[in-house]
Amino acid sequence: MNLPRDEFLPSDPATIYRCRWEVELLFRELKTQYELDEFDTTKNHVAKVMFSRRCCHCW
């Protein structure tokens, strides 16, 4: 999908991509530091509890 030229500056896509990359790096760090890739659930409320416990336990 192309971005409308009248709504975005030429530098906007680079900024958006850079922000997206920061999120990817954050997820990678969380998975590595807190072993979040070992969660075996698709239930949102369970994942939130497990994430909270894992983070509190590590700090």
C-alpha atoms as a PDB file:
ATOM      1  CA  MET A   1       0.000   0.000   0.000  1.00  0.00           C
ATOM      2  CA  ASN A   2       1.403   3.379  -0.962  1.00  0.00           C
ATOM      3  CA  LEU A   3       1.214   6.336   1.367  1.00  0.00           C
ATOM      4  CA  PRO A   4      -0.705   9.371   0.131  1.00  0.00           C
ATOM      5  CA  ARG A   5       1.806  12.040  -0.882  1.00  0.00           C
ATOM      6  CA  ASP A   6      -0.338  14.845   0.484  1.00  0.00           C
ATOM      7  CA  GLU A   7      -0.358  13.336   4.002  1.00  0.00           C
ATOM      8  CA  PHE A   8       3.294  12.364   4.482  1.00  0.00           C
ATOM      9  CA  LEU A   9       6.654  14.024   4.092  1.00  0.00           C
ATOM     10  CA  PRO A  10       9.361  12.146   2.187  1.00  0.00           C
ATOM     11  CA  SER A  11      11.180  11.491   5.478  1.00  0.00           C
ATOM     12  CA  ASP A  12       8.118  10.033   7.245  1.00  0.00           C
ATOM     13  CA  PRO A  13       8.471   6.442   5.984  1.00  0.00           C
ATOM     14  CA  ALA A  14      12.042   6.297   7.302  1.00  0.00           C
ATOM     15  CA  THR A  15      10.884   7.583  10.694  1.00  0.00           C
ATOM     16  CA  ILE A  16       8.041   5.070  10.810  1.00  0.00           C
ATOM     17  CA  TYR A  17      10.359   2.222   9.886  1.00  0.00           C
ATOM     18  CA  ARG A  18      12.916   3.307  12.494  1.00  0.00           C
ATOM     19  CA  CYS A  19      10.217   3.298  15.186  1.00  0.00           C
ATOM     20  CA  ARG A  20       9.006  -0.114  14.067  1.00  0.00           C
ATOM     21  CA  TRP A  21      12.567  -1.429  14.258  1.00  0.00           C
ATOM     22  CA  GLU A  22      12.872  -0.130  17.837  1.00  0.00           C
ATOM     23  CA  VAL A  23       9.778  -2.130  18.761  1.00  0.00           C
ATOM     24  CA  GLU A  24      11.259  -5.241  17.148  1.00  0.00           C
ATOM     25  CA  LEU A  25      14.478  -4.782  19.127  1.00  0.00           C
ATOM     26  CA  LEU A  26      12.489  -4.340  22.335  1.00  0.00           C
ATOM     27  CA  PHE A  27      10.585  -7.584  21.727  1.00  0.00           C
ATOM     28  CA  ARG A  28      13.836  -9.362  20.988  1.00  0.00           C
ATOM     29  CA  GLU A  29      15.351  -8.090  24.236  1.00  0.00           C
ATOM     30  CA  LEU A  30      12.275  -9.086  26.238  1.00  0.00           C
ATOM     31  CA  LYS A  31      12.306 -12.563  24.760  1.00  0.00           C
ATOM     32  CA  THR A  32      16.011 -12.964  25.501  1.00  0.00           C
ATOM     33  CA  GLN A  33      16.193 -11.352  28.935  1.00  0.00           C
ATOM     34  CA  TYR A  34      12.951 -12.715  30.370  1.00  0.00           C
ATOM     35  CA  GLU A  35      12.519 -15.889  28.310  1.00  0.00           C
ATOM     36  CA  LEU A  36       9.175 -14.659  27.008  1.00  0.00           C
ATOM     37  CA  ASP A  37       9.385 -16.930  24.003  1.00  0.00           C
ATOM     38  CA  GLU A  38       8.629 -19.802  26.366  1.00  0.00           C
ATOM     39  CA  PHE A  39       5.048 -18.687  27.016  1.00  0.00           C
ATOM     40  CA  ASP A  40       2.716 -21.369  25.790  1.00  0.00           C
ATOM     41  CA  THR A  41      -0.600 -19.551  25.718  1.00  0.00           C
ATOM     42  CA  THR A  42      -2.846 -17.661  23.376  1.00  0.00           C
ATOM     43  CA  LYS A  43      -5.090 -16.353  26.144  1.00  0.00           C
ATOM     44  CA  ASN A  44      -4.432 -12.652  26.597  1.00  0.00           C
ATOM     45  CA  HIS A  45      -5.149 -12.469  30.333  1.00  0.00           C
ATOM     46  CA  VAL A  46      -2.882 -15.446  31.071  1.00  0.00           C
ATOM     47  CA  ALA A  47      -0.044 -13.953  29.034  1.00  0.00           C
ATOM     48  CA  LYS A  48      -0.366 -10.643  30.922  1.00  0.00           C
ATOM     49  CA  VAL A  49      -0.121 -12.383  34.298  1.00  0.00           C
ATOM     50  CA  MET A  50       2.840 -14.497  33.193  1.00  0.00           C
ATOM     51  CA  PHE A  51       4.595 -11.451  31.767  1.00  0.00           C
ATOM     52  CA  SER A  52       4.030  -9.436  34.959  1.00  0.00           C
ATOM     53  CA  ARG A  53       5.288 -12.258  37.166  1.00  0.00           C
ATOM     54  CA  ARG A  54       8.337 -12.851  35.004  1.00  0.00           C
ATOM     55  CA  CYS A  55       9.267  -9.156  34.979  1.00  0.00           C
ATOM     56  CA  CYS A  56       8.746  -8.714  38.721  1.00  0.00           C
ATOM     57  CA  HIS A  57      10.753 -11.857  39.429  1.00  0.00           C
ATOM     58  CA  CYS A  58      13.714 -10.657  37.358  1.00  0.00           C
ATOM     59  CA  TRP A  59      13.900  -7.182  38.867  1.00  0.00           C
END
